[in-house]
PDB file of N, CA and C in Angstrom:
ATOM      1  N   MET A   1      18.644   5.588 -19.739  1.00  0.00           N
ATOM      2  CA  MET A   1      17.467   5.286 -19.239  1.00  0.00           C
ATOM      3  C   MET A   1      16.605   6.647 -18.950  1.00  0.00           C
ATOM      4  N   SER A   2      15.562   6.741 -19.334  1.00  0.00           N
ATOM      5  CA  SER A   2      14.767   8.040 -19.132  1.00  0.00           C
ATOM      6  C   SER A   2      14.447   8.248 -17.691  1.00  0.00           C
ATOM      7  N   VAL A   3      14.144   9.579 -17.384  1.00  0.00           N
ATOM      8  CA  VAL A   3      13.789   9.761 -15.911  1.00  0.00           C
ATOM      9  C   VAL A   3      12.490   9.258 -15.639  1.00  0.00           C
ATOM     10  N   GLU A   4      11.504   9.002 -16.564  1.00  0.00           N
ATOM     11  CA  GLU A   4      10.323   8.402 -16.249  1.00  0.00           C
ATOM     12  C   GLU A   4      10.394   6.934 -15.929  1.00  0.00           C
ATOM     13  N   ALA A   5      11.253   6.230 -16.911  1.00  0.00           N
ATOM     14  CA  ALA A   5      11.535   4.954 -16.659  1.00  0.00           C
ATOM     15  C   ALA A   5      12.331   4.636 -15.378  1.00  0.00           C
ATOM     16  N   SER A   6      13.099   5.504 -15.070  1.00  0.00           N
ATOM     17  CA  SER A   6      13.863   5.352 -13.712  1.00  0.00           C
ATOM     18  C   SER A   6      12.920   5.450 -12.569  1.00  0.00           C
ATOM     19  N   ARG A   7      12.038   6.396 -12.540  1.00  0.00           N
ATOM     20  CA  ARG A   7      10.937   6.550 -11.548  1.00  0.00           C
ATOM     21  C   ARG A   7      10.137   5.365 -11.454  1.00  0.00           C
ATOM     22  N   GLU A   8       9.724   4.769 -12.527  1.00  0.00           N
ATOM     23  CA  GLU A   8       8.791   3.631 -12.558  1.00  0.00           C
ATOM     24  C   GLU A   8       9.615   2.287 -11.933  1.00  0.00           C
ATOM     25  N   ARG A   9      10.871   2.320 -12.365  1.00  0.00           N
ATOM     26  CA  ARG A   9      11.651   1.154 -11.723  1.00  0.00           C
ATOM     27  C   ARG A   9      11.729   1.261 -10.288  1.00  0.00           C
ATOM     28  N   TYR A  10      12.092   2.474  -9.765  1.00  0.00           N
ATOM     29  CA  TYR A  10      12.123   2.670  -8.343  1.00  0.00           C
ATOM     30  C   TYR A  10      10.831   2.541  -7.687  1.00  0.00           C
ATOM     31  N   ARG A  11       9.667   2.890  -8.285  1.00  0.00           N
ATOM     32  CA  ARG A  11       8.359   2.693  -7.685  1.00  0.00           C
ATOM     33  C   ARG A  11       8.189   1.178  -7.492  1.00  0.00           C
ATOM     34  N   ALA A  12       8.376   0.413  -8.638  1.00  0.00           N
ATOM     35  CA  ALA A  12       8.264  -1.047  -8.705  1.00  0.00           C
ATOM     36  C   ALA A  12       9.106  -1.804  -7.531  1.00  0.00           C
ATOM     37  N   ASP A  13      10.339  -1.329  -7.477  1.00  0.00           N
ATOM     38  CA  ASP A  13      11.246  -1.765  -6.493  1.00  0.00           C
ATOM     39  C   ASP A  13      10.730  -1.520  -4.982  1.00  0.00           C
ATOM     40  N   LEU A  14      10.170  -0.324  -4.827  1.00  0.00           N
ATOM     41  CA  LEU A  14       9.665  -0.001  -3.516  1.00  0.00           C
ATOM     42  C   LEU A  14       8.579  -0.948  -3.137  1.00  0.00           C
ATOM     43  N   GLN A  15       7.479  -0.997  -4.064  1.00  0.00           N
ATOM     44  CA  GLN A  15       6.469  -1.887  -3.800  1.00  0.00           C
ATOM     45  C   GLN A  15       6.686  -3.391  -3.584  1.00  0.00           C
ATOM     46  N   ASN A  16       7.726  -3.944  -4.451  1.00  0.00           N
ATOM     47  CA  ASN A  16       8.233  -5.328  -4.266  1.00  0.00           C
ATOM     48  C   ASN A  16       8.792  -5.517  -2.814  1.00  0.00           C
ATOM     49  N   ARG A  17       9.937  -4.688  -2.503  1.00  0.00           N
ATOM     50  CA  ARG A  17      10.484  -4.784  -1.245  1.00  0.00           C
ATOM     51  C   ARG A  17       9.595  -4.474  -0.016  1.00  0.00           C
ATOM     52  N   LEU A  18       8.723  -3.465  -0.346  1.00  0.00           N
ATOM     53  CA  LEU A  18       7.767  -3.295   0.934  1.00  0.00           C
ATOM     54  C   LEU A  18       6.815  -4.459   1.098  1.00  0.00           C
ATOM     55  N   SER A  19       6.329  -5.002   0.121  1.00  0.00           N
ATOM     56  CA  SER A  19       5.503  -6.154   0.107  1.00  0.00           C
ATOM     57  C   SER A  19       6.049  -7.367   0.839  1.00  0.00           C
ATOM     58  N   ILE A  20       7.412  -7.576   0.517  1.00  0.00           N
ATOM     59  CA  ILE A  20       8.214  -8.649   1.131  1.00  0.00           C
ATOM     60  C   ILE A  20       8.348  -8.338   2.605  1.00  0.00           C
ATOM     61  N   LEU A  21       8.660  -7.082   3.102  1.00  0.00           N
ATOM     62  CA  LEU A  21       8.766  -6.832   4.366  1.00  0.00           C
ATOM     63  C   LEU A  21       7.565  -6.933   5.231  1.00  0.00           C
ATOM     64  N   LEU A  22       6.458  -6.530   4.575  1.00  0.00           N
ATOM     65  CA  LEU A  22       5.135  -6.525   5.264  1.00  0.00           C
ATOM     66  C   LEU A  22       4.739  -8.091   5.515  1.00  0.00           C
ATOM     67  N   GLN A  23       5.050  -9.068   4.662  1.00  0.00           N
ATOM     68  CA  GLN A  23       4.645 -10.344   4.796  1.00  0.00           C
ATOM     69  C   GLN A  23       5.658 -11.106   5.676  1.00  0.00           C
ATOM     70  N   ARG A  24       6.983 -10.762   5.550  1.00  0.00           N
ATOM     71  CA  ARG A  24       8.063 -11.542   6.354  1.00  0.00           C
ATOM     72  C   ARG A  24       8.247 -10.906   7.694  1.00  0.00           C
ATOM     73  N   ASP A  25       8.273  -9.753   7.864  1.00  0.00           N
ATOM     74  CA  ASP A  25       8.733  -9.089   9.169  1.00  0.00           C
ATOM     75  C   ASP A  25       7.578  -8.522  10.144  1.00  0.00           C
ATOM     76  N   VAL A  26       6.365  -8.453   9.768  1.00  0.00           N
ATOM     77  CA  VAL A  26       5.289  -7.853  10.663  1.00  0.00           C
ATOM     78  C   VAL A  26       4.571  -9.044  11.236  1.00  0.00           C
ATOM     79  N   ASN A  27       4.664  -8.890  12.502  1.00  0.00           N
ATOM     80  CA  ASN A  27       3.928  -9.848  13.476  1.00  0.00           C
ATOM     81  C   ASN A  27       2.710  -9.449  14.059  1.00  0.00           C
ATOM     82  N   ASP A  28       2.219  -8.218  13.833  1.00  0.00           N
ATOM     83  CA  ASP A  28       1.105  -7.780  14.228  1.00  0.00           C
ATOM     84  C   ASP A  28      -0.057  -8.412  13.659  1.00  0.00           C
ATOM     85  N   PRO A  29      -0.960  -9.104  14.400  1.00  0.00           N
ATOM     86  CA  PRO A  29      -2.142  -9.839  13.939  1.00  0.00           C
ATOM     87  C   PRO A  29      -3.086  -8.904  13.281  1.00  0.00           C
ATOM     88  N   ARG A  30      -3.133  -7.556  13.621  1.00  0.00           N
ATOM     89  CA  ARG A  30      -4.097  -6.725  12.978  1.00  0.00           C
ATOM     90  C   ARG A  30      -3.732  -6.304  11.623  1.00  0.00           C
ATOM     91  N   LEU A  31      -2.446  -6.675  11.307  1.00  0.00           N
ATOM     92  CA  LEU A  31      -1.883  -6.346   9.908  1.00  0.00           C
ATOM     93  C   LEU A  31      -1.746  -7.601   9.094  1.00  0.00           C
ATOM     94  N   GLN A  32      -2.231  -8.834   9.563  1.00  0.00           N
ATOM     95  CA  GLN A  32      -2.087  -9.964   8.777  1.00  0.00           C
ATOM     96  C   GLN A  32      -3.008  -9.883   7.535  1.00  0.00           C
ATOM     97  N   GLY A  33      -2.593 -10.376   6.459  1.00  0.00           N
ATOM     98  CA  GLY A  33      -3.362 -10.271   5.303  1.00  0.00           C
ATOM     99  C   GLY A  33      -3.566  -8.989   4.597  1.00  0.00           C
ATOM    100  N   VAL A  34      -2.735  -8.032   4.948  1.00  0.00           N
ATOM    101  CA  VAL A  34      -2.665  -6.703   4.382  1.00  0.00           C
ATOM    102  C   VAL A  34      -1.909  -6.821   3.028  1.00  0.00           C
ATOM    103  N   SER A  35      -2.446  -6.294   1.944  1.00  0.00           N
ATOM    104  CA  SER A  35      -1.745  -6.367   0.717  1.00  0.00           C
ATOM    105  C   SER A  35      -1.566  -4.909   0.071  1.00  0.00           C
ATOM    106  N   ILE A  36      -0.471  -4.608  -0.564  1.00  0.00           N
ATOM    107  CA  ILE A  36      -0.089  -3.364  -1.116  1.00  0.00           C
ATOM    108  C   ILE A  36      -0.704  -3.445  -2.512  1.00  0.00           C
ATOM    109  N   ILE A  37      -1.686  -2.478  -2.715  1.00  0.00           N
ATOM    110  CA  ILE A  37      -2.385  -2.384  -3.878  1.00  0.00           C
ATOM    111  C   ILE A  37      -1.663  -1.546  -4.953  1.00  0.00           C
ATOM    112  N   ARG A  38      -1.156  -0.462  -4.514  1.00  0.00           N
ATOM    113  CA  ARG A  38      -0.313   0.426  -5.445  1.00  0.00           C
ATOM    114  C   ARG A  38       0.521   1.280  -4.680  1.00  0.00           C
ATOM    115  N   ILE A  39       1.584   1.889  -5.335  1.00  0.00           N
ATOM    116  CA  ILE A  39       2.467   2.943  -4.741  1.00  0.00           C
ATOM    117  C   ILE A  39       2.552   4.003  -5.696  1.00  0.00           C
ATOM    118  N   ASP A  40       2.351   5.251  -5.139  1.00  0.00           N
ATOM    119  CA  ASP A  40       2.497   6.486  -6.023  1.00  0.00           C
ATOM    120  C   ASP A  40       3.663   7.205  -5.366  1.00  0.00           C
ATOM    121  N   LEU A  41       4.526   7.746  -6.242  1.00  0.00           N
ATOM    122  CA  LEU A  41       5.713   8.611  -5.846  1.00  0.00           C
ATOM    123  C   LEU A  41       5.084  10.121  -5.814  1.00  0.00           C
ATOM    124  N   GLY A  42       5.506  10.794  -4.748  1.00  0.00           N
ATOM    125  CA  GLY A  42       5.152  12.236  -4.797  1.00  0.00           C
ATOM    126  C   GLY A  42       6.079  12.972  -5.696  1.00  0.00           C
ATOM    127  N   ARG A  43       5.684  14.225  -5.840  1.00  0.00           N
ATOM    128  CA  ARG A  43       6.614  15.083  -6.717  1.00  0.00           C
ATOM    129  C   ARG A  43       7.931  15.211  -5.975  1.00  0.00           C
ATOM    130  N   GLY A  44       8.991  15.054  -6.728  1.00  0.00           N
ATOM    131  CA  GLY A  44      10.317  15.175  -6.350  1.00  0.00           C
ATOM    132  C   GLY A  44      10.718  13.941  -5.424  1.00  0.00           C
ATOM    133  N   ASN A  45      10.076  12.921  -5.512  1.00  0.00           N
ATOM    134  CA  ASN A  45      10.232  11.695  -4.543  1.00  0.00           C
ATOM    135  C   ASN A  45      10.397  12.156  -3.121  1.00  0.00           C
ATOM    136  N   ASP A  46       9.474  13.127  -2.674  1.00  0.00           N
ATOM    137  CA  ASP A  46       9.653  13.469  -1.254  1.00  0.00           C
ATOM    138  C   ASP A  46       8.558  12.678  -0.284  1.00  0.00           C
ATOM    139  N   ALA A  47       7.758  11.927  -0.979  1.00  0.00           N
ATOM    140  CA  ALA A  47       6.683  11.148  -0.193  1.00  0.00           C
ATOM    141  C   ALA A  47       6.391   9.905  -1.166  1.00  0.00           C
ATOM    142  N   VAL A  48       6.084   8.812  -0.521  1.00  0.00           N
ATOM    143  CA  VAL A  48       5.614   7.687  -1.270  1.00  0.00           C
ATOM    144  C   VAL A  48       4.201   7.364  -0.577  1.00  0.00           C
ATOM    145  N   HIS A  49       3.227   7.379  -1.566  1.00  0.00           N
ATOM    146  CA  HIS A  49       1.868   7.101  -0.975  1.00  0.00           C
ATOM    147  C   HIS A  49       1.640   5.473  -1.355  1.00  0.00           C
ATOM    148  N   VAL A  50       1.273   4.825  -0.245  1.00  0.00           N
ATOM    149  CA  VAL A  50       1.138   3.461  -0.396  1.00  0.00           C
ATOM    150  C   VAL A  50      -0.265   3.073   0.035  1.00  0.00           C
ATOM    151  N   TRP A  51      -0.866   2.541  -1.121  1.00  0.00           N
ATOM    152  CA  TRP A  51      -2.337   2.138  -0.989  1.00  0.00           C
ATOM    153  C   TRP A  51      -2.383   0.761  -0.523  1.00  0.00           C
ATOM    154  N   VAL A  52      -3.170   0.329   0.439  1.00  0.00           N
ATOM    155  CA  VAL A  52      -3.273  -0.917   0.985  1.00  0.00           C
ATOM    156  C   VAL A  52      -4.676  -1.407   1.181  1.00  0.00           C
ATOM    157  N   HIS A  53      -4.966  -2.646   1.181  1.00  0.00           N
ATOM    158  CA  HIS A  53      -6.286  -3.273   1.576  1.00  0.00           C
ATOM    159  C   HIS A  53      -6.106  -4.520   2.135  1.00  0.00           C
ATOM    160  N   ALA A  54      -7.070  -5.099   2.925  1.00  0.00           N
ATOM    161  CA  ALA A  54      -6.920  -6.528   3.460  1.00  0.00           C
ATOM    162  C   ALA A  54      -8.278  -7.103   3.085  1.00  0.00           C
ATOM    163  N   MET A  55      -8.268  -8.305   2.944  1.00  0.00           N
ATOM    164  CA  MET A  55      -9.460  -9.044   2.594  1.00  0.00           C
ATOM    165  C   MET A  55     -10.060  -9.781   3.834  1.00  0.00           C
ATOM    166  N   LEU A  56      -9.439  -9.572   4.988  1.00  0.00           N
ATOM    167  CA  LEU A  56      -9.913 -10.168   6.190  1.00  0.00           C
ATOM    168  C   LEU A  56     -10.859  -9.437   6.908  1.00  0.00           C
ATOM    169  N   GLY A  57     -11.348  -8.206   6.418  1.00  0.00           N
ATOM    170  CA  GLY A  57     -12.247  -7.425   7.211  1.00  0.00           C
ATOM    171  C   GLY A  57     -11.870  -6.455   8.121  1.00  0.00           C
ATOM    172  N   GLN A  58     -10.421  -6.050   8.182  1.00  0.00           N
ATOM    173  CA  GLN A  58      -9.757  -5.372   9.185  1.00  0.00           C
ATOM    174  C   GLN A  58     -10.328  -3.992   8.931  1.00  0.00           C
ATOM    175  N   ASP A  59     -10.368  -3.065  10.026  1.00  0.00           N
ATOM    176  CA  ASP A  59     -10.596  -1.690  10.006  1.00  0.00           C
ATOM    177  C   ASP A  59      -9.539  -0.872   9.201  1.00  0.00           C
ATOM    178  N   GLY A  60      -9.816  -0.288   8.166  1.00  0.00           N
ATOM    179  CA  GLY A  60      -8.933   0.421   7.339  1.00  0.00           C
ATOM    180  C   GLY A  60      -8.228   1.487   8.192  1.00  0.00           C
ATOM    181  N   ASP A  61      -8.756   2.185   9.013  1.00  0.00           N
ATOM    182  CA  ASP A  61      -8.141   3.279   9.722  1.00  0.00           C
ATOM    183  C   ASP A  61      -7.124   2.642  10.836  1.00  0.00           C
ATOM    184  N   GLN A  62      -7.565   1.484  11.373  1.00  0.00           N
ATOM    185  CA  GLN A  62      -6.532   0.739  12.298  1.00  0.00           C
ATOM    186  C   GLN A  62      -5.326   0.282  11.616  1.00  0.00           C
ATOM    187  N   VAL A  63      -5.610  -0.166  10.336  1.00  0.00           N
ATOM    188  CA  VAL A  63      -4.549  -0.910   9.503  1.00  0.00           C
ATOM    189  C   VAL A  63      -3.638   0.182   9.143  1.00  0.00           C
ATOM    190  N   THR A  64      -4.039   1.432   8.606  1.00  0.00           N
ATOM    191  CA  THR A  64      -3.118   2.476   8.219  1.00  0.00           C
ATOM    192  C   THR A  64      -2.416   3.089   9.323  1.00  0.00           C
ATOM    193  N   LYS A  65      -2.997   3.245  10.574  1.00  0.00           N
ATOM    194  CA  LYS A  65      -2.279   3.779  11.690  1.00  0.00           C
ATOM    195  C   LYS A  65      -1.330   2.742  12.121  1.00  0.00           C
ATOM    196  N   GLY A  66      -1.356   1.426  12.153  1.00  0.00           N
ATOM    197  CA  GLY A  66      -0.439   0.394  12.494  1.00  0.00           C
ATOM    198  C   GLY A  66       0.715   0.549  11.451  1.00  0.00           C
ATOM    199  N   LEU A  67       0.290   0.592  10.246  1.00  0.00           N
ATOM    200  CA  LEU A  67       1.562   0.658   9.188  1.00  0.00           C
ATOM    201  C   LEU A  67       2.304   1.948   9.342  1.00  0.00           C
ATOM    202  N   GLN A  68       1.658   3.073   9.630  1.00  0.00           N
ATOM    203  CA  GLN A  68       2.295   4.358   9.826  1.00  0.00           C
ATOM    204  C   GLN A  68       3.283   4.246  10.939  1.00  0.00           C
ATOM    205  N   ARG A  69       2.834   3.559  12.106  1.00  0.00           N
ATOM    206  CA  ARG A  69       3.704   3.382  13.309  1.00  0.00           C
ATOM    207  C   ARG A  69       5.106   2.547  12.860  1.00  0.00           C
ATOM    208  N   LEU A  70       4.965   1.808  11.871  1.00  0.00           N
ATOM    209  CA  LEU A  70       6.048   0.974  11.463  1.00  0.00           C
ATOM    210  C   LEU A  70       6.814   1.598  10.317  1.00  0.00           C
ATOM    211  N   SER A  71       6.530   2.746   9.890  1.00  0.00           N
ATOM    212  CA  SER A  71       7.050   3.379   8.694  1.00  0.00           C
ATOM    213  C   SER A  71       8.602   3.754   8.969  1.00  0.00           C
ATOM    214  N   GLY A  72       8.920   3.953  10.121  1.00  0.00           N
ATOM    215  CA  GLY A  72      10.389   4.214  10.361  1.00  0.00           C
ATOM    216  C   GLY A  72      11.231   2.956  10.161  1.00  0.00           C
ATOM    217  N   TYR A  73      10.703   1.792  10.652  1.00  0.00           N
ATOM    218  CA  TYR A  73      11.359   0.521  10.293  1.00  0.00           C
ATOM    219  C   TYR A  73      11.387   0.207   9.002  1.00  0.00           C
ATOM    220  N   PHE A  74      10.231   0.320   8.253  1.00  0.00           N
ATOM    221  CA  PHE A  74      10.302   0.076   6.799  1.00  0.00           C
ATOM    222  C   PHE A  74      11.139   0.944   6.045  1.00  0.00           C
ATOM    223  N   ARG A  75      11.187   2.221   6.353  1.00  0.00           N
ATOM    224  CA  ARG A  75      12.176   3.183   5.789  1.00  0.00           C
ATOM    225  C   ARG A  75      13.666   2.735   5.837  1.00  0.00           C
ATOM    226  N   HIS A  76      14.059   2.337   7.191  1.00  0.00           N
ATOM    227  CA  HIS A  76      15.308   1.671   7.197  1.00  0.00           C
ATOM    228  C   HIS A  76      15.585   0.638   6.520  1.00  0.00           C
ATOM    229  N   ALA A  77      14.704  -0.408   6.433  1.00  0.00           N
ATOM    230  CA  ALA A  77      15.003  -1.706   5.838  1.00  0.00           C
ATOM    231  C   ALA A  77      15.056  -1.369   4.318  1.00  0.00           C
ATOM    232  N   LEU A  78      14.054  -0.501   3.789  1.00  0.00           N
ATOM    233  CA  LEU A  78      14.138  -0.242   2.477  1.00  0.00           C
ATOM    234  C   LEU A  78      15.434   0.442   1.989  1.00  0.00           C
ATOM    235  N   GLY A  79      15.963   1.303   2.869  1.00  0.00           N
ATOM    236  CA  GLY A  79      17.269   1.974   2.608  1.00  0.00           C
ATOM    237  C   GLY A  79      18.342   1.048   2.474  1.00  0.00           C
ATOM    238  N   LYS A  80      18.274  -0.013   3.406  1.00  0.00           N
ATOM    239  CA  LYS A  80      19.449  -1.026   3.252  1.00  0.00           C
ATOM    240  C   LYS A  80      19.286  -1.895   2.052  1.00  0.00           C
ATOM    241  N   SER A  81      18.130  -2.411   1.873  1.00  0.00           N
ATOM    242  CA  SER A  81      17.828  -3.455   0.754  1.00  0.00           C
ATOM    243  C   SER A  81      18.038  -2.630  -0.620  1.00  0.00           C
ATOM    244  N   LEU A  82      17.621  -1.474  -0.837  1.00  0.00           N
ATOM    245  CA  LEU A  82      17.686  -0.593  -2.132  1.00  0.00           C
ATOM    246  C   LEU A  82      19.111   0.166  -2.245  1.00  0.00           C
ATOM    247  N   ARG A  83      19.864   0.112  -1.135  1.00  0.00           N
ATOM    248  CA  ARG A  83      21.101   0.798  -1.110  1.00  0.00           C
ATOM    249  C   ARG A  83      20.971   2.250  -1.583  1.00  0.00           C
ATOM    250  N   ARG A  84      20.104   2.859  -0.843  1.00  0.00           N
ATOM    251  CA  ARG A  84      19.790   4.311  -0.996  1.00  0.00           C
ATOM    252  C   ARG A  84      19.924   4.894   0.392  1.00  0.00           C
ATOM    253  N   ARG A  85      20.576   6.198   0.311  1.00  0.00           N
ATOM    254  CA  ARG A  85      20.650   6.870   1.686  1.00  0.00           C
ATOM    255  C   ARG A  85      19.461   7.471   2.028  1.00  0.00           C
ATOM    256  N   ARG A  86      18.637   7.868   1.238  1.00  0.00           N
ATOM    257  CA  ARG A  86      17.354   8.491   1.570  1.00  0.00           C
ATOM    258  C   ARG A  86      16.187   7.871   0.950  1.00  0.00           C
ATOM    259  N   ILE A  87      15.193   7.385   1.797  1.00  0.00           N
ATOM    260  CA  ILE A  87      14.019   6.854   1.490  1.00  0.00           C
ATOM    261  C   ILE A  87      12.952   7.797   1.783  1.00  0.00           C
ATOM    262  N   PRO A  88      12.121   8.187   0.868  1.00  0.00           N
ATOM    263  CA  PRO A  88      11.085   9.235   1.088  1.00  0.00           C
ATOM    264  C   PRO A  88      10.029   8.794   2.277  1.00  0.00           C
ATOM    265  N   GLU A  89       9.448   9.647   2.911  1.00  0.00           N
ATOM    266  CA  GLU A  89       8.389   9.398   3.782  1.00  0.00           C
ATOM    267  C   GLU A  89       7.333   8.571   3.264  1.00  0.00           C
ATOM    268  N   LEU A  90       6.921   7.599   4.092  1.00  0.00           N
ATOM    269  CA  LEU A  90       5.841   6.577   3.664  1.00  0.00           C
ATOM    270  C   LEU A  90       4.517   7.085   4.129  1.00  0.00           C
ATOM    271  N   ARG A  91       3.526   7.205   3.317  1.00  0.00           N
ATOM    272  CA  ARG A  91       2.124   7.595   3.835  1.00  0.00           C
ATOM    273  C   ARG A  91       1.224   6.498   3.382  1.00  0.00           C
ATOM    274  N   PHE A  92       0.540   5.872   4.305  1.00  0.00           N
ATOM    275  CA  PHE A  92      -0.231   4.823   4.000  1.00  0.00           C
ATOM    276  C   PHE A  92      -1.714   5.294   4.020  1.00  0.00           C
ATOM    277  N   HIS A  93      -2.394   4.658   2.813  1.00  0.00           N
ATOM    278  CA  HIS A  93      -3.808   4.885   2.665  1.00  0.00           C
ATOM    279  C   HIS A  93      -4.568   3.728   2.450  1.00  0.00           C
ATOM    280  N   TRP A  94      -5.911   3.672   3.034  1.00  0.00           N
ATOM    281  CA  TRP A  94      -6.772   2.528   2.761  1.00  0.00           C
ATOM    282  C   TRP A  94      -7.423   2.735   1.242  1.00  0.00           C
ATOM    283  N   ASP A  95      -7.283   1.498   0.534  1.00  0.00           N
ATOM    284  CA  ASP A  95      -7.881   1.514  -0.802  1.00  0.00           C
ATOM    285  C   ASP A  95      -9.333   1.052  -0.691  1.00  0.00           C
ATOM    286  N   THR A  96     -10.266   1.956  -1.079  1.00  0.00           N
ATOM    287  CA  THR A  96     -11.694   1.643  -0.934  1.00  0.00           C
ATOM    288  C   THR A  96     -12.213   0.968  -2.164  1.00  0.00           C
ATOM    289  N   ALA A  97     -11.448   0.795  -3.128  1.00  0.00           N
ATOM    290  CA  ALA A  97     -12.021   0.286  -4.385  1.00  0.00           C
ATOM    291  C   ALA A  97     -12.683  -1.120  -4.342  1.00  0.00           C
ATOM    292  N   PHE A  98     -12.336  -1.851  -3.454  1.00  0.00           N
ATOM    293  CA  PHE A  98     -12.993  -3.222  -3.309  1.00  0.00           C
ATOM    294  C   PHE A  98     -14.406  -3.046  -2.754  1.00  0.00           C
ATOM    295  N   GLU A  99     -14.421  -2.199  -1.701  1.00  0.00           N
ATOM    296  CA  GLU A  99     -15.778  -1.947  -1.023  1.00  0.00           C
ATOM    297  C   GLU A  99     -16.758  -1.136  -2.081  1.00  0.00           C
ATOM    298  N   GLU A 100     -16.224  -0.240  -2.905  1.00  0.00           N
ATOM    299  CA  GLU A 100     -17.016   0.555  -3.787  1.00  0.00           C
ATOM    300  C   GLU A 100     -17.367  -0.488  -4.891  1.00  0.00           C
ATOM    301  N   GLY A 101     -16.608  -1.366  -5.305  1.00  0.00           N
ATOM    302  CA  GLY A 101     -16.985  -2.350  -6.466  1.00  0.00           C
ATOM    303  C   GLY A 101     -17.980  -3.260  -5.852  1.00  0.00           C
ATOM    304  N   ASN A 102     -17.986  -3.679  -4.597  1.00  0.00           N
ATOM    305  CA  ASN A 102     -18.873  -4.635  -4.017  1.00  0.00           C
ATOM    306  C   ASN A 102     -20.260  -3.828  -3.857  1.00  0.00           C
ATOM    307  N   ALA A 103     -20.221  -2.585  -3.412  1.00  0.00           N
ATOM    308  CA  ALA A 103     -21.558  -1.885  -3.434  1.00  0.00           C
ATOM    309  C   ALA A 103     -22.094  -1.633  -4.847  1.00  0.00           C
ATOM    310  N   MET A 104     -21.428  -1.428  -5.848  1.00  0.00           N
ATOM    311  CA  MET A 104     -21.922  -1.279  -7.107  1.00  0.00           C
ATOM    312  C   MET A 104     -22.511  -2.624  -7.612  1.00  0.00           C
ATOM    313  N   VAL A 105     -21.877  -3.744  -7.424  1.00  0.00           N
ATOM    314  CA  VAL A 105     -22.417  -5.058  -7.753  1.00  0.00           C
ATOM    315  C   VAL A 105     -23.737  -5.400  -6.897  1.00  0.00           C
ATOM    316  N   THR A 106     -23.710  -5.005  -5.736  1.00  0.00           N
ATOM    317  CA  THR A 106     -25.002  -5.046  -4.932  1.00  0.00           C
ATOM    318  C   THR A 106     -26.161  -4.238  -5.592  1.00  0.00           C
ATOM    319  N   ARG A 107     -25.742  -2.989  -5.758  1.00  0.00           N
ATOM    320  CA  ARG A 107     -26.853  -1.984  -6.476  1.00  0.00           C
ATOM    321  C   ARG A 107     -27.325  -2.627  -7.759  1.00  0.00           C
ATOM    322  N   LEU A 108     -26.440  -3.077  -8.648  1.00  0.00           N
ATOM    323  CA  LEU A 108     -26.725  -3.744  -9.937  1.00  0.00           C
ATOM    324  C   LEU A 108     -27.703  -4.870  -9.784  1.00  0.00           C
ATOM    325  N   GLY A 109     -27.390  -5.749  -8.762  1.00  0.00           N
ATOM    326  CA  GLY A 109     -28.258  -6.855  -8.495  1.00  0.00           C
ATOM    327  C   GLY A 109     -29.627  -6.453  -8.105  1.00  0.00           C
ATOM    328  N   ARG A 110     -29.761  -5.440  -7.284  1.00  0.00           N
ATOM    329  CA  ARG A 110     -31.049  -4.797  -6.744  1.00  0.00           C
ATOM    330  C   ARG A 110     -31.816  -4.538  -7.972  1.00  0.00           C
ATOM    331  N   MET A 111     -31.068  -3.740  -8.851  1.00  0.00           N
ATOM    332  CA  MET A 111     -31.796  -3.313 -10.156  1.00  0.00           C
ATOM    333  C   MET A 111     -32.413  -4.247 -10.864  1.00  0.00           C
ATOM    334  N   GLU A 112     -31.369  -5.397 -11.102  1.00  0.00           N
ATOM    335  CA  GLU A 112     -31.874  -6.474 -11.924  1.00  0.00           C
ATOM    336  C   GLU A 112     -33.070  -7.196 -11.340  1.00  0.00           C
ATOM    337  N   GLN A 113     -33.174  -7.315 -10.003  1.00  0.00           N
ATOM    338  CA  GLN A 113     -34.271  -7.989  -9.406  1.00  0.00           C
ATOM    339  C   GLN A 113     -35.533  -7.209  -9.535  1.00  0.00           C
ATOM    340  N   SER A 114     -35.388  -5.901  -9.430  1.00  0.00           N
ATOM    341  CA  SER A 114     -36.586  -5.026  -9.509  1.00  0.00           C
ATOM    342  C   SER A 114     -37.358  -4.987 -10.892  1.00  0.00           C
ATOM    343  N   GLN A 115     -36.544  -5.433 -11.925  1.00  0.00           N
ATOM    344  CA  GLN A 115     -37.070  -5.353 -13.203  1.00  0.00           C
ATOM    345  C   GLN A 115     -37.738  -6.484 -13.649  1.00  0.00           C
TER     346      GLN A 115
END
């Protein structure tokens, strides 16, 4: 298996397991409905950048802070389920693509109405 294929499989496993943990084990109501959009591995697997979004209108800053507070728990659980000694640092980011897409649709609608 090539190095790139191995990294991709590891990234996919991290995303799958982290999604399960988020749905199954997190009871914080501020984090309900949060989805993992994508995961990027840092150089040398020293960090995992986790891009999240929620469709329930939560504040992105509060969501990422809440997830960051749980990162130690996530890393421990991921280490056990993936059978790895070291899980990289988890860094959570709010994915703004949905808001940007909605803003673009709104702008296009206004342009269409003005013509």
